[in-house]
């Protein structure tokens, strides 16, 4: 459950209680909900939750040489809206497209894989890979160079299906492109799946450590970042409990 949904539900409960003999409890709950909403929207809470995730993996070091492959995780394209309008609709994390396009130009021999089907619980023919491929092609990656994995529904399946699709050989170097806040969980999952990849974080939502305690002047932006952070922390805990990662907060491999 993301914070905004939880707070809305608390607000509804408080209103209902105020119409009963528990009106006093309802007023207290309403005040608490308002305080929590303000904290989630304007306080440094979202930065405090996001920064440890985004700072976990440093920027990729190109001095180690050219990669053999580039893996791009889905999550930017809304498949339902894309299907409704018959064109790719990118809602967020556009850096997940820009970065691999630049990498593909820099390393013309590297294979490029986009992995992403649909996260909808109800089966649908709309696959994120199908709508993402034209974007990558328009950014300069030839169609024949793209490898599409279109059946995965989550990050665990991204790792499992992509490994099976590309069959990485020992000694090959593969980059994993995803949002910085999502990188710890993604790296832990790929490691658990036996696919050794190197982190290439993009799509940062926070600045440096000096910004961690800064307040947000846009409540909608603050709520969105709080939602993203809480959802990712819940994902880390859930995947650790399910045994899909070996650490709660995966970090860079030790040399």
C-alpha atoms as a PDB file:
ATOM      1  CA  UNK A   1       0.000   0.000   0.000  1.00  0.00           C
ATOM      2  CA  UNK A   2       1.376   3.414  -0.966  1.00  0.00           C
ATOM      3  CA  UNK A   3       1.162   6.317   1.542  1.00  0.00           C
ATOM      4  CA  UNK A   4      -1.364   8.426  -0.353  1.00  0.00           C
ATOM      5  CA  UNK A   5      -3.868   5.545  -0.500  1.00  0.00           C
ATOM      6  CA  UNK A   6      -3.351   4.813   3.178  1.00  0.00           C
ATOM      7  CA  UNK A   7      -3.862   8.468   4.131  1.00  0.00           C
ATOM      8  CA  UNK A   8      -7.026   8.753   2.048  1.00  0.00           C
ATOM      9  CA  UNK A   9      -8.420   5.667   3.768  1.00  0.00           C
ATOM     10  CA  UNK A  10      -7.548   7.114   7.178  1.00  0.00           C
ATOM     11  CA  UNK A  11      -9.308  10.338   6.207  1.00  0.00           C
ATOM     12  CA  UNK A  12     -12.456   8.477   5.193  1.00  0.00           C
ATOM     13  CA  UNK A  13     -12.429   6.494   8.436  1.00  0.00           C
ATOM     14  CA  UNK A  14     -12.056   9.703  10.467  1.00  0.00           C
ATOM     15  CA  UNK A  15     -15.060  11.281   8.719  1.00  0.00           C
ATOM     16  CA  UNK A  16     -17.177   8.192   9.347  1.00  0.00           C
ATOM     17  CA  UNK A  17     -16.154   8.112  13.008  1.00  0.00           C
ATOM     18  CA  UNK A  18     -17.109  11.775  13.459  1.00  0.00           C
ATOM     19  CA  UNK A  19     -20.681  10.849  12.561  1.00  0.00           C
ATOM     20  CA  UNK A  20     -20.832   8.286  15.357  1.00  0.00           C
ATOM     21  CA  UNK A  21     -20.420   8.234  19.126  1.00  0.00           C
ATOM     22  CA  UNK A  22     -16.670   7.999  18.434  1.00  0.00           C
ATOM     23  CA  UNK A  23     -16.560  11.569  17.124  1.00  0.00           C
ATOM     24  CA  UNK A  24     -13.684  12.481  19.422  1.00  0.00           C
ATOM     25  CA  UNK A  25     -11.574   9.657  18.063  1.00  0.00           C
ATOM     26  CA  UNK A  26     -12.553  10.703  14.546  1.00  0.00           C
ATOM     27  CA  UNK A  27     -11.324  14.267  15.118  1.00  0.00           C
ATOM     28  CA  UNK A  28      -8.024  13.001  16.508  1.00  0.00           C
ATOM     29  CA  UNK A  29      -7.611  10.647  13.566  1.00  0.00           C
ATOM     30  CA  UNK A  30      -8.394  13.468  11.123  1.00  0.00           C
ATOM     31  CA  UNK A  31      -5.744  15.688  12.724  1.00  0.00           C
ATOM     32  CA  UNK A  32      -3.214  12.849  12.628  1.00  0.00           C
ATOM     33  CA  UNK A  33      -4.007  12.192   8.971  1.00  0.00           C
ATOM     34  CA  UNK A  34      -3.495  15.854   8.106  1.00  0.00           C
ATOM     35  CA  UNK A  35      -0.115  15.912   9.870  1.00  0.00           C
ATOM     36  CA  UNK A  36       1.011  12.730   8.129  1.00  0.00           C
ATOM     37  CA  UNK A  37      -0.146  14.118   4.785  1.00  0.00           C
ATOM     38  CA  UNK A  38       1.888  17.291   5.340  1.00  0.00           C
ATOM     39  CA  UNK A  39       4.954  15.260   6.285  1.00  0.00           C
ATOM     40  CA  UNK A  40       4.667  13.081   3.187  1.00  0.00           C
ATOM     41  CA  UNK A  41       4.064  16.058   0.897  1.00  0.00           C
ATOM     42  CA  UNK A  42       6.419  18.760   2.150  1.00  0.00           C
ATOM     43  CA  UNK A  43       8.935  17.426   4.672  1.00  0.00           C
ATOM     44  CA  UNK A  44      12.373  15.920   3.905  1.00  0.00           C
ATOM     45  CA  UNK A  45      10.835  12.471   4.486  1.00  0.00           C
ATOM     46  CA  UNK A  46      10.788  11.596   0.772  1.00  0.00           C
ATOM     47  CA  UNK A  47      14.463  12.548   0.384  1.00  0.00           C
ATOM     48  CA  UNK A  48      15.439  10.582   3.488  1.00  0.00           C
ATOM     49  CA  UNK A  49      13.723   7.498   2.061  1.00  0.00           C
ATOM     50  CA  UNK A  50      14.954   7.875  -1.520  1.00  0.00           C
ATOM     51  CA  UNK A  51      18.557   8.939  -1.048  1.00  0.00           C
ATOM     52  CA  UNK A  52      19.862   5.670   0.483  1.00  0.00           C
ATOM     53  CA  UNK A  53      18.390   3.811  -2.485  1.00  0.00           C
ATOM     54  CA  UNK A  54      19.718   6.156  -5.155  1.00  0.00           C
ATOM     55  CA  UNK A  55      23.177   6.502  -3.612  1.00  0.00           C
ATOM     56  CA  UNK A  56      23.668   2.759  -3.178  1.00  0.00           C
ATOM     57  CA  UNK A  57      25.284   2.234  -6.600  1.00  0.00           C
ATOM     58  CA  UNK A  58      27.682   4.782  -8.130  1.00  0.00           C
ATOM     59  CA  UNK A  59      27.632   5.854 -11.751  1.00  0.00           C
ATOM     60  CA  UNK A  60      29.056   3.224 -14.095  1.00  0.00           C
ATOM     61  CA  UNK A  61      32.781   3.473 -14.784  1.00  0.00           C
ATOM     62  CA  UNK A  62      33.473   3.284 -18.557  1.00  0.00           C
ATOM     63  CA  UNK A  63      37.225   2.912 -18.016  1.00  0.00           C
ATOM     64  CA  UNK A  64      36.772  -0.834 -17.536  1.00  0.00           C
ATOM     65  CA  UNK A  65      36.048  -1.258 -21.235  1.00  0.00           C
ATOM     66  CA  UNK A  66      33.145  -1.872 -23.572  1.00  0.00           C
ATOM     67  CA  UNK A  67      30.191  -3.977 -22.396  1.00  0.00           C
ATOM     68  CA  UNK A  68      28.954  -6.991 -24.329  1.00  0.00           C
ATOM     69  CA  UNK A  69      25.318  -6.163 -23.721  1.00  0.00           C
ATOM     70  CA  UNK A  70      22.895  -3.553 -22.401  1.00  0.00           C
ATOM     71  CA  UNK A  71      19.724  -4.550 -20.543  1.00  0.00           C
ATOM     72  CA  UNK A  72      16.960  -1.974 -20.185  1.00  0.00           C
ATOM     73  CA  UNK A  73      14.243  -2.608 -17.606  1.00  0.00           C
ATOM     74  CA  UNK A  74      10.706  -1.575 -18.467  1.00  0.00           C
ATOM     75  CA  UNK A  75       8.566   0.639 -16.299  1.00  0.00           C
ATOM     76  CA  UNK A  76       8.388   3.872 -18.279  1.00  0.00           C
ATOM     77  CA  UNK A  77       5.562   3.156 -20.723  1.00  0.00           C
ATOM     78  CA  UNK A  78       1.894   2.859 -19.723  1.00  0.00           C
ATOM     79  CA  UNK A  79       0.672  -0.090 -21.772  1.00  0.00           C
ATOM     80  CA  UNK A  80      -3.041   0.629 -21.282  1.00  0.00           C
ATOM     81  CA  UNK A  81      -2.760   4.253 -22.414  1.00  0.00           C
ATOM     82  CA  UNK A  82      -0.453   3.250 -25.273  1.00  0.00           C
ATOM     83  CA  UNK A  83      -2.984   0.682 -26.464  1.00  0.00           C
ATOM     84  CA  UNK A  84      -5.854   3.170 -26.143  1.00  0.00           C
ATOM     85  CA  UNK A  85      -4.059   5.829 -28.222  1.00  0.00           C
ATOM     86  CA  UNK A  86      -2.132   3.459 -30.512  1.00  0.00           C
ATOM     87  CA  UNK A  87       1.160   5.149 -29.720  1.00  0.00           C
ATOM     88  CA  UNK A  88       3.767   4.839 -26.946  1.00  0.00           C
ATOM     89  CA  UNK A  89       2.831   6.865 -23.865  1.00  0.00           C
ATOM     90  CA  UNK A  90       5.791   7.520 -21.549  1.00  0.00           C
ATOM     91  CA  UNK A  91       4.658   8.625 -18.096  1.00  0.00           C
ATOM     92  CA  UNK A  92       8.001   8.797 -16.298  1.00  0.00           C
ATOM     93  CA  UNK A  93      11.616   7.594 -16.229  1.00  0.00           C
ATOM     94  CA  UNK A  94      12.350   8.631 -19.813  1.00  0.00           C
ATOM     95  CA  UNK A  95      16.060   8.362 -18.951  1.00  0.00           C
ATOM     96  CA  UNK A  96      15.627   4.609 -19.290  1.00  0.00           C
ATOM     97  CA  UNK A  97      15.381   5.257 -23.045  1.00  0.00           C
ATOM     98  CA  UNK A  98      17.931   8.044 -23.451  1.00  0.00           C
ATOM     99  CA  UNK A  99      20.733   6.223 -21.622  1.00  0.00           C
ATOM    100  CA  UNK A 100      20.666   2.985 -23.663  1.00  0.00           C
ATOM    101  CA  UNK A 101      20.446   4.966 -26.899  1.00  0.00           C
ATOM    102  CA  UNK A 102      23.639   6.807 -25.962  1.00  0.00           C
ATOM    103  CA  UNK A 103      25.300   3.585 -24.818  1.00  0.00           C
ATOM    104  CA  UNK A 104      24.346   1.842 -28.054  1.00  0.00           C
ATOM    105  CA  UNK A 105      25.985   4.612 -30.086  1.00  0.00           C
ATOM    106  CA  UNK A 106      29.103   4.497 -27.929  1.00  0.00           C
ATOM    107  CA  UNK A 107      29.366   0.693 -28.056  1.00  0.00           C
ATOM    108  CA  UNK A 108      28.154  -0.458 -31.492  1.00  0.00           C
ATOM    109  CA  UNK A 109      28.980  -4.117 -30.843  1.00  0.00           C
ATOM    110  CA  UNK A 110      26.948  -4.410 -27.648  1.00  0.00           C
ATOM    111  CA  UNK A 111      23.646  -6.241 -27.786  1.00  0.00           C
ATOM    112  CA  UNK A 112      20.631  -4.225 -26.583  1.00  0.00           C
ATOM    113  CA  UNK A 113      17.827  -5.956 -24.691  1.00  0.00           C
ATOM    114  CA  UNK A 114      14.563  -4.376 -23.575  1.00  0.00           C
ATOM    115  CA  UNK A 115      12.695  -6.434 -20.993  1.00  0.00           C
ATOM    116  CA  UNK A 116       9.103  -5.694 -20.074  1.00  0.00           C
ATOM    117  CA  UNK A 117       5.700  -7.229 -20.703  1.00  0.00           C
ATOM    118  CA  UNK A 118       2.825  -6.032 -18.575  1.00  0.00           C
ATOM    119  CA  UNK A 119       2.266  -5.733 -14.838  1.00  0.00           C
ATOM    120  CA  UNK A 120      -1.510  -5.948 -15.191  1.00  0.00           C
ATOM    121  CA  UNK A 121      -3.067  -8.777 -13.192  1.00  0.00           C
ATOM    122  CA  UNK A 122      -5.512  -9.384 -16.034  1.00  0.00           C
ATOM    123  CA  UNK A 123      -3.849 -10.724 -19.182  1.00  0.00           C
ATOM    124  CA  UNK A 124      -3.593  -8.215 -21.996  1.00  0.00           C
ATOM    125  CA  UNK A 125      -2.095  -8.122 -25.467  1.00  0.00           C
ATOM    126  CA  UNK A 126      -0.482  -4.744 -24.731  1.00  0.00           C
ATOM    127  CA  UNK A 127       3.214  -5.393 -24.024  1.00  0.00           C
ATOM    128  CA  UNK A 128       5.600  -2.679 -22.919  1.00  0.00           C
ATOM    129  CA  UNK A 129       8.421  -4.037 -25.083  1.00  0.00           C
ATOM    130  CA  UNK A 130       6.285  -3.616 -28.205  1.00  0.00           C
ATOM    131  CA  UNK A 131       5.659   0.072 -27.472  1.00  0.00           C
ATOM    132  CA  UNK A 132       9.179   0.756 -26.231  1.00  0.00           C
ATOM    133  CA  UNK A 133      10.950  -0.648 -29.293  1.00  0.00           C
ATOM    134  CA  UNK A 134       9.809   2.201 -31.616  1.00  0.00           C
ATOM    135  CA  UNK A 135      11.074   4.761 -29.085  1.00  0.00           C
ATOM    136  CA  UNK A 136      14.512   3.162 -29.002  1.00  0.00           C
ATOM    137  CA  UNK A 137      14.528   2.900 -32.793  1.00  0.00           C
ATOM    138  CA  UNK A 138      13.676   6.595 -33.129  1.00  0.00           C
ATOM    139  CA  UNK A 139      16.572   7.336 -30.790  1.00  0.00           C
ATOM    140  CA  UNK A 140      18.934   5.648 -33.217  1.00  0.00           C
ATOM    141  CA  UNK A 141      19.073   1.950 -32.316  1.00  0.00           C
ATOM    142  CA  UNK A 142      18.444  -0.177 -35.438  1.00  0.00           C
ATOM    143  CA  UNK A 143      15.490  -2.549 -35.204  1.00  0.00           C
ATOM    144  CA  UNK A 144      17.634  -5.576 -36.045  1.00  0.00           C
ATOM    145  CA  UNK A 145      19.884  -4.800 -33.099  1.00  0.00           C
ATOM    146  CA  UNK A 146      17.101  -4.839 -30.514  1.00  0.00           C
ATOM    147  CA  UNK A 147      16.262  -7.973 -28.537  1.00  0.00           C
ATOM    148  CA  UNK A 148      12.803  -7.822 -26.961  1.00  0.00           C
ATOM    149  CA  UNK A 149      11.679  -9.763 -23.899  1.00  0.00           C
ATOM    150  CA  UNK A 150       7.913  -9.197 -23.764  1.00  0.00           C
ATOM    151  CA  UNK A 151       6.546 -11.723 -21.268  1.00  0.00           C
ATOM    152  CA  UNK A 152       7.858 -10.541 -17.878  1.00  0.00           C
ATOM    153  CA  UNK A 153       5.464  -9.035 -15.338  1.00  0.00           C
ATOM    154  CA  UNK A 154       7.932  -7.965 -12.647  1.00  0.00           C
ATOM    155  CA  UNK A 155      11.637  -7.516 -11.979  1.00  0.00           C
ATOM    156  CA  UNK A 156      12.138 -11.150 -10.977  1.00  0.00           C
ATOM    157  CA  UNK A 157      10.780 -12.290 -14.341  1.00  0.00           C
ATOM    158  CA  UNK A 158      12.851  -9.589 -16.067  1.00  0.00           C
ATOM    159  CA  UNK A 159      15.955 -11.318 -14.733  1.00  0.00           C
ATOM    160  CA  UNK A 160      14.866 -14.920 -15.311  1.00  0.00           C
ATOM    161  CA  UNK A 161      13.470 -14.421 -18.808  1.00  0.00           C
ATOM    162  CA  UNK A 162      16.301 -12.173 -19.988  1.00  0.00           C
ATOM    163  CA  UNK A 163      18.941 -14.616 -18.825  1.00  0.00           C
ATOM    164  CA  UNK A 164      17.211 -17.424 -20.704  1.00  0.00           C
ATOM    165  CA  UNK A 165      16.823 -15.234 -23.797  1.00  0.00           C
ATOM    166  CA  UNK A 166      20.412 -14.018 -24.141  1.00  0.00           C
ATOM    167  CA  UNK A 167      22.265 -16.950 -22.492  1.00  0.00           C
ATOM    168  CA  UNK A 168      25.192 -14.837 -21.212  1.00  0.00           C
ATOM    169  CA  UNK A 169      28.580 -16.493 -21.543  1.00  0.00           C
ATOM    170  CA  UNK A 170      31.184 -16.558 -18.768  1.00  0.00           C
ATOM    171  CA  UNK A 171      33.286 -13.419 -18.853  1.00  0.00           C
ATOM    172  CA  UNK A 172      30.711 -11.314 -20.705  1.00  0.00           C
ATOM    173  CA  UNK A 173      29.894  -7.901 -19.251  1.00  0.00           C
ATOM    174  CA  UNK A 174      26.277  -6.763 -19.230  1.00  0.00           C
ATOM    175  CA  UNK A 175      24.987  -3.388 -18.107  1.00  0.00           C
ATOM    176  CA  UNK A 176      21.659  -3.060 -16.294  1.00  0.00           C
ATOM    177  CA  UNK A 177      19.842   0.217 -16.959  1.00  0.00           C
ATOM    178  CA  UNK A 178      17.075   1.207 -14.567  1.00  0.00           C
ATOM    179  CA  UNK A 179      16.056   4.022 -12.219  1.00  0.00           C
ATOM    180  CA  UNK A 180      18.571   4.705  -9.445  1.00  0.00           C
ATOM    181  CA  UNK A 181      16.014   4.072  -6.682  1.00  0.00           C
ATOM    182  CA  UNK A 182      15.156   0.700  -8.255  1.00  0.00           C
ATOM    183  CA  UNK A 183      18.767  -0.375  -8.768  1.00  0.00           C
ATOM    184  CA  UNK A 184      19.437  -2.063  -5.381  1.00  0.00           C
ATOM    185  CA  UNK A 185      16.464  -4.409  -5.719  1.00  0.00           C
ATOM    186  CA  UNK A 186      17.170  -5.031  -9.412  1.00  0.00           C
ATOM    187  CA  UNK A 187      20.820  -5.898  -8.815  1.00  0.00           C
ATOM    188  CA  UNK A 188      19.906  -8.225  -5.955  1.00  0.00           C
ATOM    189  CA  UNK A 189      17.362 -10.007  -8.135  1.00  0.00           C
ATOM    190  CA  UNK A 190      19.706 -10.448 -11.096  1.00  0.00           C
ATOM    191  CA  UNK A 191      22.408 -11.784  -8.779  1.00  0.00           C
ATOM    192  CA  UNK A 192      19.965 -14.249  -7.255  1.00  0.00           C
ATOM    193  CA  UNK A 193      18.986 -15.343 -10.764  1.00  0.00           C
ATOM    194  CA  UNK A 194      22.650 -16.042 -11.525  1.00  0.00           C
ATOM    195  CA  UNK A 195      23.012 -13.238 -14.058  1.00  0.00           C
ATOM    196  CA  UNK A 196      26.077 -11.094 -13.253  1.00  0.00           C
ATOM    197  CA  UNK A 197      25.340  -7.539 -14.392  1.00  0.00           C
ATOM    198  CA  UNK A 198      26.844  -4.091 -13.787  1.00  0.00           C
ATOM    199  CA  UNK A 199      24.700  -1.235 -12.511  1.00  0.00           C
ATOM    200  CA  UNK A 200      24.002   1.712 -14.805  1.00  0.00           C
ATOM    201  CA  UNK A 201      21.638   3.898 -12.723  1.00  0.00           C
ATOM    202  CA  UNK A 202      19.554   6.654 -14.328  1.00  0.00           C
ATOM    203  CA  UNK A 203      16.434   8.687 -13.524  1.00  0.00           C
ATOM    204  CA  UNK A 204      17.525  10.155 -10.179  1.00  0.00           C
ATOM    205  CA  UNK A 205      14.821  11.772  -8.031  1.00  0.00           C
ATOM    206  CA  UNK A 206      17.131  13.351  -5.422  1.00  0.00           C
ATOM    207  CA  UNK A 207      20.295  15.433  -5.557  1.00  0.00           C
ATOM    208  CA  UNK A 208      23.382  14.992  -3.428  1.00  0.00           C
ATOM    209  CA  UNK A 209      23.595  14.489   0.339  1.00  0.00           C
ATOM    210  CA  UNK A 210      23.175  18.239   0.877  1.00  0.00           C
ATOM    211  CA  UNK A 211      19.601  17.958  -0.420  1.00  0.00           C
ATOM    212  CA  UNK A 212      18.526  15.145   1.899  1.00  0.00           C
ATOM    213  CA  UNK A 213      17.133  17.459   4.587  1.00  0.00           C
ATOM    214  CA  UNK A 214      15.563  19.954   2.182  1.00  0.00           C
ATOM    215  CA  UNK A 215      11.824  20.613   2.200  1.00  0.00           C
ATOM    216  CA  UNK A 216       9.591  20.279  -0.860  1.00  0.00           C
ATOM    217  CA  UNK A 217       7.574  23.273  -2.039  1.00  0.00           C
ATOM    218  CA  UNK A 218       5.401  21.195  -4.396  1.00  0.00           C
ATOM    219  CA  UNK A 219       3.102  18.906  -2.427  1.00  0.00           C
ATOM    220  CA  UNK A 220       2.173  16.720  -5.396  1.00  0.00           C
ATOM    221  CA  UNK A 221       5.856  16.135  -6.175  1.00  0.00           C
ATOM    222  CA  UNK A 222       6.587  15.329  -2.552  1.00  0.00           C
ATOM    223  CA  UNK A 223       3.739  12.837  -2.338  1.00  0.00           C
ATOM    224  CA  UNK A 224       4.851  11.143  -5.552  1.00  0.00           C
ATOM    225  CA  UNK A 225       8.419  10.751  -4.329  1.00  0.00           C
ATOM    226  CA  UNK A 226       7.204   9.445  -0.971  1.00  0.00           C
ATOM    227  CA  UNK A 227       5.022   6.920  -2.788  1.00  0.00           C
ATOM    228  CA  UNK A 228       7.938   5.804  -4.970  1.00  0.00           C
ATOM    229  CA  UNK A 229      10.274   5.431  -1.995  1.00  0.00           C
ATOM    230  CA  UNK A 230       7.848   3.565   0.264  1.00  0.00           C
ATOM    231  CA  UNK A 231       6.805   1.234  -2.564  1.00  0.00           C
ATOM    232  CA  UNK A 232      10.453   0.420  -3.271  1.00  0.00           C
ATOM    233  CA  UNK A 233      11.307  -0.235   0.378  1.00  0.00           C
ATOM    234  CA  UNK A 234       8.267  -2.523   0.637  1.00  0.00           C
ATOM    235  CA  UNK A 235       9.479  -4.286  -2.511  1.00  0.00           C
ATOM    236  CA  UNK A 236      12.933  -4.795  -1.004  1.00  0.00           C
ATOM    237  CA  UNK A 237      11.482  -6.341   2.146  1.00  0.00           C
ATOM    238  CA  UNK A 238       9.022  -8.522   0.214  1.00  0.00           C
ATOM    239  CA  UNK A 239      11.622  -9.827  -2.228  1.00  0.00           C
ATOM    240  CA  UNK A 240      14.016 -10.589   0.621  1.00  0.00           C
ATOM    241  CA  UNK A 241      11.309 -12.530   2.465  1.00  0.00           C
ATOM    242  CA  UNK A 242      10.471 -14.438  -0.727  1.00  0.00           C
ATOM    243  CA  UNK A 243      14.126 -15.330  -1.194  1.00  0.00           C
ATOM    244  CA  UNK A 244      14.433 -13.434  -4.465  1.00  0.00           C
ATOM    245  CA  UNK A 245      17.360 -11.395  -3.126  1.00  0.00           C
ATOM    246  CA  UNK A 246      20.112 -12.393  -0.723  1.00  0.00           C
ATOM    247  CA  UNK A 247      20.290  -9.010   1.030  1.00  0.00           C
ATOM    248  CA  UNK A 248      17.763  -6.480   2.255  1.00  0.00           C
ATOM    249  CA  UNK A 249      19.633  -3.640   0.564  1.00  0.00           C
ATOM    250  CA  UNK A 250      21.994  -5.027  -2.106  1.00  0.00           C
ATOM    251  CA  UNK A 251      25.069  -2.921  -2.823  1.00  0.00           C
ATOM    252  CA  UNK A 252      28.136  -2.948  -5.083  1.00  0.00           C
ATOM    253  CA  UNK A 253      29.979  -6.241  -5.233  1.00  0.00           C
ATOM    254  CA  UNK A 254      33.101  -6.400  -3.133  1.00  0.00           C
ATOM    255  CA  UNK A 255      36.312  -6.800  -5.097  1.00  0.00           C
END
